[in-house]
Amino acid sequence: MSNLSEVELQNLRHLIGGFDTCHCKLQEYAKEATDTKVKQFFEKGAQSAMQNKQELMKFLQ
């Protein structure tokens, strides 16, 4: 693990939590969408949020 300061760890926690929240919300919106293009839009957003979360998690290894 990199030598991260306490502030950096707090910032990472905040960002990771935000992306996790976005992922969950966008997945839920996609489930409820009836229009195919809207559904795909939300699914793509959810996937992007998960990828961003996973990328940030690498800093904690």
N, C-alpha and C. Protein backbone atom coordinates (compact mmCIF):
# COMPACT_ATOMS: atom_id res chain seq x y z
N MET A 1 0.85 -1.18 0.00
CA MET A 1 0.00 0.00 0.00
C MET A 1 0.89 1.24 0.00
N SER A 2 0.46 2.23 -0.71
CA SER A 2 1.17 3.50 -0.74
C SER A 2 1.09 4.15 0.62
N ASN A 3 2.02 5.05 0.88
CA ASN A 3 1.96 5.80 2.13
C ASN A 3 0.99 6.96 1.96
N LEU A 4 -0.25 6.72 2.34
CA LEU A 4 -1.29 7.73 2.22
C LEU A 4 -1.50 8.42 3.57
N SER A 5 -1.74 9.70 3.51
CA SER A 5 -2.02 10.42 4.74
C SER A 5 -3.46 10.13 5.18
N GLU A 6 -3.76 10.53 6.40
CA GLU A 6 -5.11 10.32 6.92
C GLU A 6 -6.14 11.08 6.08
N VAL A 7 -5.78 12.27 5.65
CA VAL A 7 -6.69 13.08 4.82
C VAL A 7 -6.92 12.38 3.47
N GLU A 8 -5.86 11.85 2.89
CA GLU A 8 -6.00 11.15 1.62
C GLU A 8 -6.88 9.91 1.77
N LEU A 9 -6.72 9.19 2.86
CA LEU A 9 -7.56 8.03 3.12
C LEU A 9 -9.02 8.43 3.29
N GLN A 10 -9.26 9.52 4.00
CA GLN A 10 -10.63 10.01 4.16
C GLN A 10 -11.23 10.42 2.82
N ASN A 11 -10.43 11.08 1.99
CA ASN A 11 -10.90 11.48 0.66
C ASN A 11 -11.22 10.26 -0.19
N LEU A 12 -10.36 9.25 -0.15
CA LEU A 12 -10.61 8.01 -0.89
C LEU A 12 -11.90 7.36 -0.41
N ARG A 13 -12.09 7.29 0.89
CA ARG A 13 -13.30 6.68 1.46
C ARG A 13 -14.54 7.43 0.96
N HIS A 14 -14.45 8.75 0.95
CA HIS A 14 -15.57 9.57 0.49
C HIS A 14 -15.86 9.32 -0.99
N LEU A 15 -14.83 9.31 -1.81
CA LEU A 15 -15.00 9.09 -3.24
C LEU A 15 -15.53 7.69 -3.54
N ILE A 16 -14.96 6.69 -2.88
CA ILE A 16 -15.40 5.31 -3.09
C ILE A 16 -16.87 5.15 -2.69
N GLY A 17 -17.23 5.74 -1.56
CA GLY A 17 -18.63 5.68 -1.12
C GLY A 17 -19.56 6.38 -2.11
N GLY A 18 -19.12 7.50 -2.65
CA GLY A 18 -19.92 8.23 -3.63
C GLY A 18 -20.15 7.43 -4.90
N PHE A 19 -19.09 6.80 -5.40
CA PHE A 19 -19.23 5.98 -6.60
C PHE A 19 -20.11 4.76 -6.33
N ASP A 20 -20.00 4.20 -5.13
CA ASP A 20 -20.84 3.05 -4.77
C ASP A 20 -22.32 3.46 -4.74
N THR A 21 -22.59 4.62 -4.17
CA THR A 21 -23.96 5.13 -4.12
C THR A 21 -24.49 5.37 -5.54
N CYS A 22 -23.67 6.00 -6.38
CA CYS A 22 -24.08 6.24 -7.77
C CYS A 22 -24.37 4.93 -8.49
N HIS A 23 -23.51 3.96 -8.29
CA HIS A 23 -23.70 2.66 -8.93
C HIS A 23 -25.04 2.05 -8.53
N CYS A 24 -25.32 2.04 -7.25
CA CYS A 24 -26.58 1.46 -6.76
C CYS A 24 -27.80 2.20 -7.30
N LYS A 25 -27.75 3.51 -7.26
CA LYS A 25 -28.88 4.31 -7.74
C LYS A 25 -29.09 4.13 -9.25
N LEU A 26 -28.01 4.17 -10.01
CA LEU A 26 -28.14 4.03 -11.46
C LEU A 26 -28.63 2.64 -11.85
N GLN A 27 -28.22 1.62 -11.11
CA GLN A 27 -28.73 0.27 -11.36
C GLN A 27 -30.24 0.22 -11.11
N GLU A 28 -30.67 0.85 -10.04
CA GLU A 28 -32.08 0.88 -9.71
C GLU A 28 -32.87 1.64 -10.77
N TYR A 29 -32.34 2.77 -11.22
CA TYR A 29 -33.00 3.53 -12.29
C TYR A 29 -33.11 2.68 -13.56
N ALA A 30 -32.04 1.93 -13.87
CA ALA A 30 -32.05 1.09 -15.07
C ALA A 30 -33.12 0.00 -14.95
N LYS A 31 -33.29 -0.56 -13.76
CA LYS A 31 -34.32 -1.59 -13.55
C LYS A 31 -35.71 -1.04 -13.82
N GLU A 32 -35.93 0.20 -13.44
CA GLU A 32 -37.25 0.81 -13.55
C GLU A 32 -37.53 1.41 -14.93
N ALA A 33 -36.49 1.62 -15.72
CA ALA A 33 -36.65 2.26 -17.03
C ALA A 33 -37.39 1.34 -17.99
N THR A 34 -38.30 1.92 -18.75
CA THR A 34 -39.03 1.14 -19.75
C THR A 34 -38.49 1.39 -21.15
N ASP A 35 -37.94 2.56 -21.38
CA ASP A 35 -37.35 2.89 -22.68
C ASP A 35 -35.96 2.25 -22.77
N THR A 36 -35.70 1.57 -23.87
CA THR A 36 -34.43 0.85 -24.05
C THR A 36 -33.22 1.78 -23.98
N LYS A 37 -33.31 2.93 -24.63
CA LYS A 37 -32.17 3.85 -24.64
C LYS A 37 -31.91 4.43 -23.25
N VAL A 38 -32.97 4.72 -22.53
CA VAL A 38 -32.82 5.24 -21.16
C VAL A 38 -32.21 4.16 -20.27
N LYS A 39 -32.70 2.93 -20.43
CA LYS A 39 -32.18 1.80 -19.64
C LYS A 39 -30.69 1.62 -19.90
N GLN A 40 -30.29 1.67 -21.17
CA GLN A 40 -28.88 1.52 -21.53
C GLN A 40 -28.04 2.66 -20.97
N PHE A 41 -28.60 3.86 -20.99
CA PHE A 41 -27.90 5.03 -20.44
C PHE A 41 -27.58 4.82 -18.97
N PHE A 42 -28.57 4.38 -18.19
CA PHE A 42 -28.36 4.16 -16.76
C PHE A 42 -27.44 2.96 -16.51
N GLU A 43 -27.56 1.92 -17.30
CA GLU A 43 -26.67 0.76 -17.14
C GLU A 43 -25.22 1.14 -17.41
N LYS A 44 -25.01 1.95 -18.45
CA LYS A 44 -23.65 2.40 -18.77
C LYS A 44 -23.09 3.26 -17.64
N GLY A 45 -23.92 4.13 -17.09
CA GLY A 45 -23.50 4.96 -15.96
C GLY A 45 -23.16 4.13 -14.73
N ALA A 46 -23.97 3.11 -14.47
CA ALA A 46 -23.73 2.23 -13.32
C ALA A 46 -22.41 1.47 -13.50
N GLN A 47 -22.17 1.01 -14.70
CA GLN A 47 -20.92 0.30 -14.99
C GLN A 47 -19.71 1.22 -14.81
N SER A 48 -19.83 2.44 -15.29
CA SER A 48 -18.76 3.41 -15.16
C SER A 48 -18.47 3.72 -13.68
N ALA A 49 -19.52 3.89 -12.90
CA ALA A 49 -19.35 4.17 -11.47
C ALA A 49 -18.63 3.00 -10.78
N MET A 50 -18.98 1.78 -11.15
CA MET A 50 -18.33 0.60 -10.55
C MET A 50 -16.86 0.54 -10.94
N GLN A 51 -16.57 0.85 -12.20
CA GLN A 51 -15.17 0.84 -12.65
C GLN A 51 -14.36 1.89 -11.91
N ASN A 52 -14.94 3.07 -11.72
CA ASN A 52 -14.24 4.12 -10.98
C ASN A 52 -14.00 3.70 -9.53
N LYS A 53 -15.00 3.09 -8.92
CA LYS A 53 -14.85 2.61 -7.54
C LYS A 53 -13.71 1.59 -7.46
N GLN A 54 -13.70 0.64 -8.38
CA GLN A 54 -12.67 -0.41 -8.38
C GLN A 54 -11.27 0.19 -8.60
N GLU A 55 -11.20 1.18 -9.45
CA GLU A 55 -9.91 1.84 -9.71
C GLU A 55 -9.40 2.53 -8.44
N LEU A 56 -10.29 3.19 -7.73
CA LEU A 56 -9.89 3.85 -6.48
C LEU A 56 -9.52 2.85 -5.40
N MET A 57 -10.17 1.71 -5.39
CA MET A 57 -9.88 0.68 -4.39
C MET A 57 -8.45 0.16 -4.50
N LYS A 58 -7.86 0.27 -5.69
CA LYS A 58 -6.49 -0.19 -5.90
C LYS A 58 -5.51 0.60 -5.03
N PHE A 59 -5.85 1.83 -4.69
CA PHE A 59 -4.98 2.64 -3.83
C PHE A 59 -4.92 2.08 -2.42
N LEU A 60 -5.88 1.24 -2.06
CA LEU A 60 -5.93 0.69 -0.69
C LEU A 60 -5.21 -0.64 -0.57
N GLN A 61 -4.69 -1.14 -1.68
CA GLN A 61 -4.00 -2.45 -1.65
C GLN A 61 -2.54 -2.27 -1.37
